[in-house]
């Protein structure tokens, strides 16, 4: 944080999401676990997925914490992104809010679907684990251990040849 203090276009900060006043900020930006590192445009922060040691963080910061393509920095955008921004700028605030709400609902639906499917996978895993354990127990109780003991007592199966 000290290295970027007073930086013209980058802010590196620390937020305690358990503290009073910070909970709403963290919820707004989708912080669900700790530590979470976010970066990018303050109105559309992205999750940082890189390494967590100082060198990795410093390299990422040096390469990425700079002005990026956005409605306020449209000159930094490629033609495709400019076109998308211009189309969105032509929409009314209520239209944009409706589209954002729709996309947020899609994100929530994807998360819900994932959670439900994981529950089904967990139930399937548990059923398979139980079936395996029960089958192994049946096999062992059917005399497998006794068979192995008899084989050892006989010396080897090659004596019969």
C-alpha atoms as a PDB file:
ATOM      1  CA  UNK A   1       0.000   0.000   0.000  1.00  0.00           C
ATOM      2  CA  UNK A   2       2.885   2.353   0.803  1.00  0.00           C
ATOM      3  CA  UNK A   3       4.354   1.943  -2.691  1.00  0.00           C
ATOM      4  CA  UNK A   4       1.098   3.137  -4.289  1.00  0.00           C
ATOM      5  CA  UNK A   5       0.269   5.875  -1.783  1.00  0.00           C
ATOM      6  CA  UNK A   6      -0.502   9.066  -3.700  1.00  0.00           C
ATOM      7  CA  UNK A   7      -0.422   7.265  -7.060  1.00  0.00           C
ATOM      8  CA  UNK A   8      -2.191   9.222  -9.804  1.00  0.00           C
ATOM      9  CA  UNK A   9      -4.404   6.378 -11.020  1.00  0.00           C
ATOM     10  CA  UNK A  10      -4.128   3.473  -8.560  1.00  0.00           C
ATOM     11  CA  UNK A  11      -5.375   2.935  -5.053  1.00  0.00           C
ATOM     12  CA  UNK A  12      -4.272  -0.017  -2.973  1.00  0.00           C
ATOM     13  CA  UNK A  13      -6.320  -0.269   0.187  1.00  0.00           C
ATOM     14  CA  UNK A  14      -7.333  -2.621   2.957  1.00  0.00           C
ATOM     15  CA  UNK A  15     -10.955  -3.112   4.029  1.00  0.00           C
ATOM     16  CA  UNK A  16     -12.054  -5.137   7.057  1.00  0.00           C
ATOM     17  CA  UNK A  17     -15.389  -6.560   5.904  1.00  0.00           C
ATOM     18  CA  UNK A  18     -16.311  -7.535   9.454  1.00  0.00           C
ATOM     19  CA  UNK A  19     -16.064  -3.948  10.691  1.00  0.00           C
ATOM     20  CA  UNK A  20     -19.051  -1.629  11.042  1.00  0.00           C
ATOM     21  CA  UNK A  21     -19.624   0.407   7.909  1.00  0.00           C
ATOM     22  CA  UNK A  22     -17.607  -1.912   5.683  1.00  0.00           C
ATOM     23  CA  UNK A  23     -20.116  -4.766   5.484  1.00  0.00           C
ATOM     24  CA  UNK A  24     -22.301  -2.999   2.929  1.00  0.00           C
ATOM     25  CA  UNK A  25     -19.272  -2.089   0.807  1.00  0.00           C
ATOM     26  CA  UNK A  26     -18.101  -5.692   0.826  1.00  0.00           C
ATOM     27  CA  UNK A  27     -21.564  -7.031  -0.027  1.00  0.00           C
ATOM     28  CA  UNK A  28     -21.861  -4.534  -2.887  1.00  0.00           C
ATOM     29  CA  UNK A  29     -18.626  -5.844  -4.399  1.00  0.00           C
ATOM     30  CA  UNK A  30     -19.361  -9.534  -3.842  1.00  0.00           C
ATOM     31  CA  UNK A  31     -16.790 -10.256  -1.153  1.00  0.00           C
ATOM     32  CA  UNK A  32     -17.773 -13.663   0.235  1.00  0.00           C
ATOM     33  CA  UNK A  33     -14.571 -14.977   1.780  1.00  0.00           C
ATOM     34  CA  UNK A  34     -11.400 -13.656   3.279  1.00  0.00           C
ATOM     35  CA  UNK A  35      -8.909 -12.650   2.122  1.00  0.00           C
ATOM     36  CA  UNK A  36     -10.433 -11.415  -1.138  1.00  0.00           C
ATOM     37  CA  UNK A  37      -8.518  -9.187  -3.499  1.00  0.00           C
ATOM     38  CA  UNK A  38     -10.444  -7.047  -5.961  1.00  0.00           C
ATOM     39  CA  UNK A  39      -9.068  -4.835  -8.692  1.00  0.00           C
ATOM     40  CA  UNK A  40     -10.181  -2.690 -11.616  1.00  0.00           C
ATOM     41  CA  UNK A  41     -12.760  -0.002 -12.162  1.00  0.00           C
ATOM     42  CA  UNK A  42     -14.350   0.829  -8.785  1.00  0.00           C
ATOM     43  CA  UNK A  43     -17.822   0.432 -10.283  1.00  0.00           C
ATOM     44  CA  UNK A  44     -17.040  -3.029 -11.697  1.00  0.00           C
ATOM     45  CA  UNK A  45     -14.319  -4.628  -9.594  1.00  0.00           C
ATOM     46  CA  UNK A  46     -12.923  -7.987 -10.679  1.00  0.00           C
ATOM     47  CA  UNK A  47     -11.601 -10.863  -8.579  1.00  0.00           C
ATOM     48  CA  UNK A  48      -7.827 -11.194  -8.385  1.00  0.00           C
ATOM     49  CA  UNK A  49      -6.826 -14.813  -8.974  1.00  0.00           C
ATOM     50  CA  UNK A  50      -3.025 -14.592  -8.941  1.00  0.00           C
ATOM     51  CA  UNK A  51      -0.351 -15.474  -6.426  1.00  0.00           C
ATOM     52  CA  UNK A  52      -0.447 -14.051  -2.920  1.00  0.00           C
ATOM     53  CA  UNK A  53       3.216 -13.440  -2.164  1.00  0.00           C
ATOM     54  CA  UNK A  54       4.633  -9.915  -2.341  1.00  0.00           C
ATOM     55  CA  UNK A  55       6.436 -10.404  -5.656  1.00  0.00           C
ATOM     56  CA  UNK A  56       3.302 -11.724  -7.399  1.00  0.00           C
ATOM     57  CA  UNK A  57       1.161  -8.906  -6.026  1.00  0.00           C
ATOM     58  CA  UNK A  58       3.728  -6.266  -6.940  1.00  0.00           C
ATOM     59  CA  UNK A  59       4.107  -7.588 -10.488  1.00  0.00           C
ATOM     60  CA  UNK A  60       0.336  -7.676 -10.941  1.00  0.00           C
ATOM     61  CA  UNK A  61      -0.051  -4.156  -9.534  1.00  0.00           C
ATOM     62  CA  UNK A  62       2.689  -2.744 -11.767  1.00  0.00           C
ATOM     63  CA  UNK A  63       1.175  -4.363 -14.863  1.00  0.00           C
ATOM     64  CA  UNK A  64      -2.525  -3.754 -14.152  1.00  0.00           C
ATOM     65  CA  UNK A  65      -3.128  -0.840 -11.798  1.00  0.00           C
ATOM     66  CA  UNK A  66      -3.262   1.847 -14.415  1.00  0.00           C
ATOM     67  CA  UNK A  67      -6.021   3.604 -16.315  1.00  0.00           C
ATOM     68  CA  UNK A  68      -8.026   1.098 -18.327  1.00  0.00           C
ATOM     69  CA  UNK A  69     -10.757   1.207 -20.908  1.00  0.00           C
ATOM     70  CA  UNK A  70     -13.958   2.539 -19.356  1.00  0.00           C
ATOM     71  CA  UNK A  71     -16.642   5.136 -20.087  1.00  0.00           C
ATOM     72  CA  UNK A  72     -14.408   7.751 -18.457  1.00  0.00           C
ATOM     73  CA  UNK A  73     -11.308   6.569 -20.351  1.00  0.00           C
ATOM     74  CA  UNK A  74     -12.879   5.700 -23.703  1.00  0.00           C
ATOM     75  CA  UNK A  75      -9.726   6.757 -25.550  1.00  0.00           C
ATOM     76  CA  UNK A  76      -8.015   3.674 -24.062  1.00  0.00           C
ATOM     77  CA  UNK A  77     -10.592   1.307 -25.584  1.00  0.00           C
ATOM     78  CA  UNK A  78     -10.342  -0.701 -28.763  1.00  0.00           C
ATOM     79  CA  UNK A  79     -12.981  -0.136 -31.469  1.00  0.00           C
ATOM     80  CA  UNK A  80     -15.192  -3.029 -30.322  1.00  0.00           C
ATOM     81  CA  UNK A  81     -15.247  -1.892 -26.684  1.00  0.00           C
ATOM     82  CA  UNK A  82     -15.878   1.728 -27.725  1.00  0.00           C
ATOM     83  CA  UNK A  83     -18.867   0.595 -29.770  1.00  0.00           C
ATOM     84  CA  UNK A  84     -20.276  -1.353 -26.799  1.00  0.00           C
ATOM     85  CA  UNK A  85     -19.790   1.577 -24.440  1.00  0.00           C
ATOM     86  CA  UNK A  86     -21.399   3.997 -26.889  1.00  0.00           C
ATOM     87  CA  UNK A  87     -24.420   1.689 -27.297  1.00  0.00           C
ATOM     88  CA  UNK A  88     -24.798   1.432 -23.520  1.00  0.00           C
ATOM     89  CA  UNK A  89     -24.420   5.205 -23.128  1.00  0.00           C
ATOM     90  CA  UNK A  90     -27.415   5.678 -25.438  1.00  0.00           C
ATOM     91  CA  UNK A  91     -29.631   3.636 -23.111  1.00  0.00           C
ATOM     92  CA  UNK A  92     -31.634   5.364 -20.413  1.00  0.00           C
ATOM     93  CA  UNK A  93     -30.653   4.862 -16.780  1.00  0.00           C
ATOM     94  CA  UNK A  94     -33.792   2.787 -16.198  1.00  0.00           C
ATOM     95  CA  UNK A  95     -32.976   0.575 -19.198  1.00  0.00           C
ATOM     96  CA  UNK A  96     -29.441   0.087 -17.904  1.00  0.00           C
ATOM     97  CA  UNK A  97     -30.702  -0.703 -14.408  1.00  0.00           C
ATOM     98  CA  UNK A  98     -33.122  -3.273 -15.869  1.00  0.00           C
ATOM     99  CA  UNK A  99     -30.328  -4.912 -17.879  1.00  0.00           C
ATOM    100  CA  UNK A 100     -28.028  -4.948 -14.842  1.00  0.00           C
ATOM    101  CA  UNK A 101     -30.791  -6.485 -12.739  1.00  0.00           C
ATOM    102  CA  UNK A 102     -31.355  -9.123 -15.434  1.00  0.00           C
ATOM    103  CA  UNK A 103     -27.646  -9.995 -15.590  1.00  0.00           C
ATOM    104  CA  UNK A 104     -27.365 -10.066 -11.797  1.00  0.00           C
ATOM    105  CA  UNK A 105     -30.321 -12.489 -11.742  1.00  0.00           C
ATOM    106  CA  UNK A 106     -28.547 -14.665 -14.321  1.00  0.00           C
ATOM    107  CA  UNK A 107     -25.430 -14.698 -12.137  1.00  0.00           C
ATOM    108  CA  UNK A 108     -27.501 -15.664  -9.104  1.00  0.00           C
ATOM    109  CA  UNK A 109     -29.268 -18.388 -11.097  1.00  0.00           C
ATOM    110  CA  UNK A 110     -25.899 -19.795 -12.223  1.00  0.00           C
ATOM    111  CA  UNK A 111     -24.726 -19.872  -8.606  1.00  0.00           C
ATOM    112  CA  UNK A 112     -27.972 -21.523  -7.460  1.00  0.00           C
ATOM    113  CA  UNK A 113     -27.769 -24.133 -10.232  1.00  0.00           C
ATOM    114  CA  UNK A 114     -24.163 -24.848  -9.298  1.00  0.00           C
ATOM    115  CA  UNK A 115     -25.016 -25.221  -5.607  1.00  0.00           C
ATOM    116  CA  UNK A 116     -27.932 -27.570  -6.381  1.00  0.00           C
ATOM    117  CA  UNK A 117     -25.832 -29.699  -8.725  1.00  0.00           C
ATOM    118  CA  UNK A 118     -23.028 -29.919  -6.153  1.00  0.00           C
ATOM    119  CA  UNK A 119     -25.579 -31.136  -3.582  1.00  0.00           C
ATOM    120  CA  UNK A 120     -26.698 -33.829  -6.030  1.00  0.00           C
ATOM    121  CA  UNK A 121     -23.089 -34.783  -6.705  1.00  0.00           C
ATOM    122  CA  UNK A 122     -22.433 -34.956  -2.980  1.00  0.00           C
ATOM    123  CA  UNK A 123     -25.455 -37.225  -2.477  1.00  0.00           C
ATOM    124  CA  UNK A 124     -24.308 -39.433  -5.372  1.00  0.00           C
ATOM    125  CA  UNK A 125     -20.779 -39.552  -3.963  1.00  0.00           C
ATOM    126  CA  UNK A 126     -22.070 -40.524  -0.524  1.00  0.00           C
ATOM    127  CA  UNK A 127     -24.288 -43.258  -2.005  1.00  0.00           C
ATOM    128  CA  UNK A 128     -21.383 -44.631  -4.067  1.00  0.00           C
ATOM    129  CA  UNK A 129     -19.056 -44.487  -1.061  1.00  0.00           C
ATOM    130  CA  UNK A 130     -21.595 -46.409   1.051  1.00  0.00           C
ATOM    131  CA  UNK A 131     -22.158 -48.988  -1.695  1.00  0.00           C
ATOM    132  CA  UNK A 132     -18.386 -49.494  -2.055  1.00  0.00           C
ATOM    133  CA  UNK A 133     -17.899 -49.821   1.697  1.00  0.00           C
ATOM    134  CA  UNK A 134     -20.818 -52.267   2.007  1.00  0.00           C
ATOM    135  CA  UNK A 135     -19.533 -54.370  -0.918  1.00  0.00           C
ATOM    136  CA  UNK A 136     -16.008 -54.453   0.496  1.00  0.00           C
ATOM    137  CA  UNK A 137     -17.382 -55.486   3.870  1.00  0.00           C
ATOM    138  CA  UNK A 138     -19.449 -58.299   2.281  1.00  0.00           C
ATOM    139  CA  UNK A 139     -16.422 -59.561   0.354  1.00  0.00           C
ATOM    140  CA  UNK A 140     -14.229 -59.559   3.449  1.00  0.00           C
ATOM    141  CA  UNK A 141     -16.930 -61.246   5.534  1.00  0.00           C
ATOM    142  CA  UNK A 142     -17.442 -63.920   2.836  1.00  0.00           C
ATOM    143  CA  UNK A 143     -14.151 -65.511   3.783  1.00  0.00           C
ATOM    144  CA  UNK A 144     -11.482 -63.519   1.942  1.00  0.00           C
ATOM    145  CA  UNK A 145      -9.316 -63.202   5.041  1.00  0.00           C
ATOM    146  CA  UNK A 146      -9.681 -66.907   5.778  1.00  0.00           C
ATOM    147  CA  UNK A 147      -8.759 -67.764   2.178  1.00  0.00           C
ATOM    148  CA  UNK A 148      -5.603 -65.685   2.441  1.00  0.00           C
ATOM    149  CA  UNK A 149      -4.687 -67.341   5.766  1.00  0.00           C
ATOM    150  CA  UNK A 150      -5.153 -70.824   4.285  1.00  0.00           C
ATOM    151  CA  UNK A 151      -3.039 -69.912   1.282  1.00  0.00           C
ATOM    152  CA  UNK A 152      -0.214 -68.705   3.535  1.00  0.00           C
ATOM    153  CA  UNK A 153      -0.534 -71.853   5.667  1.00  0.00           C
ATOM    154  CA  UNK A 154      -0.238 -74.028   2.555  1.00  0.00           C
ATOM    155  CA  UNK A 155       3.041 -72.313   1.758  1.00  0.00           C
ATOM    156  CA  UNK A 156       2.115 -71.280  -1.745  1.00  0.00           C
ATOM    157  CA  UNK A 157      -0.240 -72.228  -4.520  1.00  0.00           C
ATOM    158  CA  UNK A 158       2.702 -73.571  -6.569  1.00  0.00           C
ATOM    159  CA  UNK A 159       2.926 -76.736  -4.372  1.00  0.00           C
ATOM    160  CA  UNK A 160      -0.149 -78.072  -6.087  1.00  0.00           C
ATOM    161  CA  UNK A 161       1.398 -77.859  -9.552  1.00  0.00           C
END
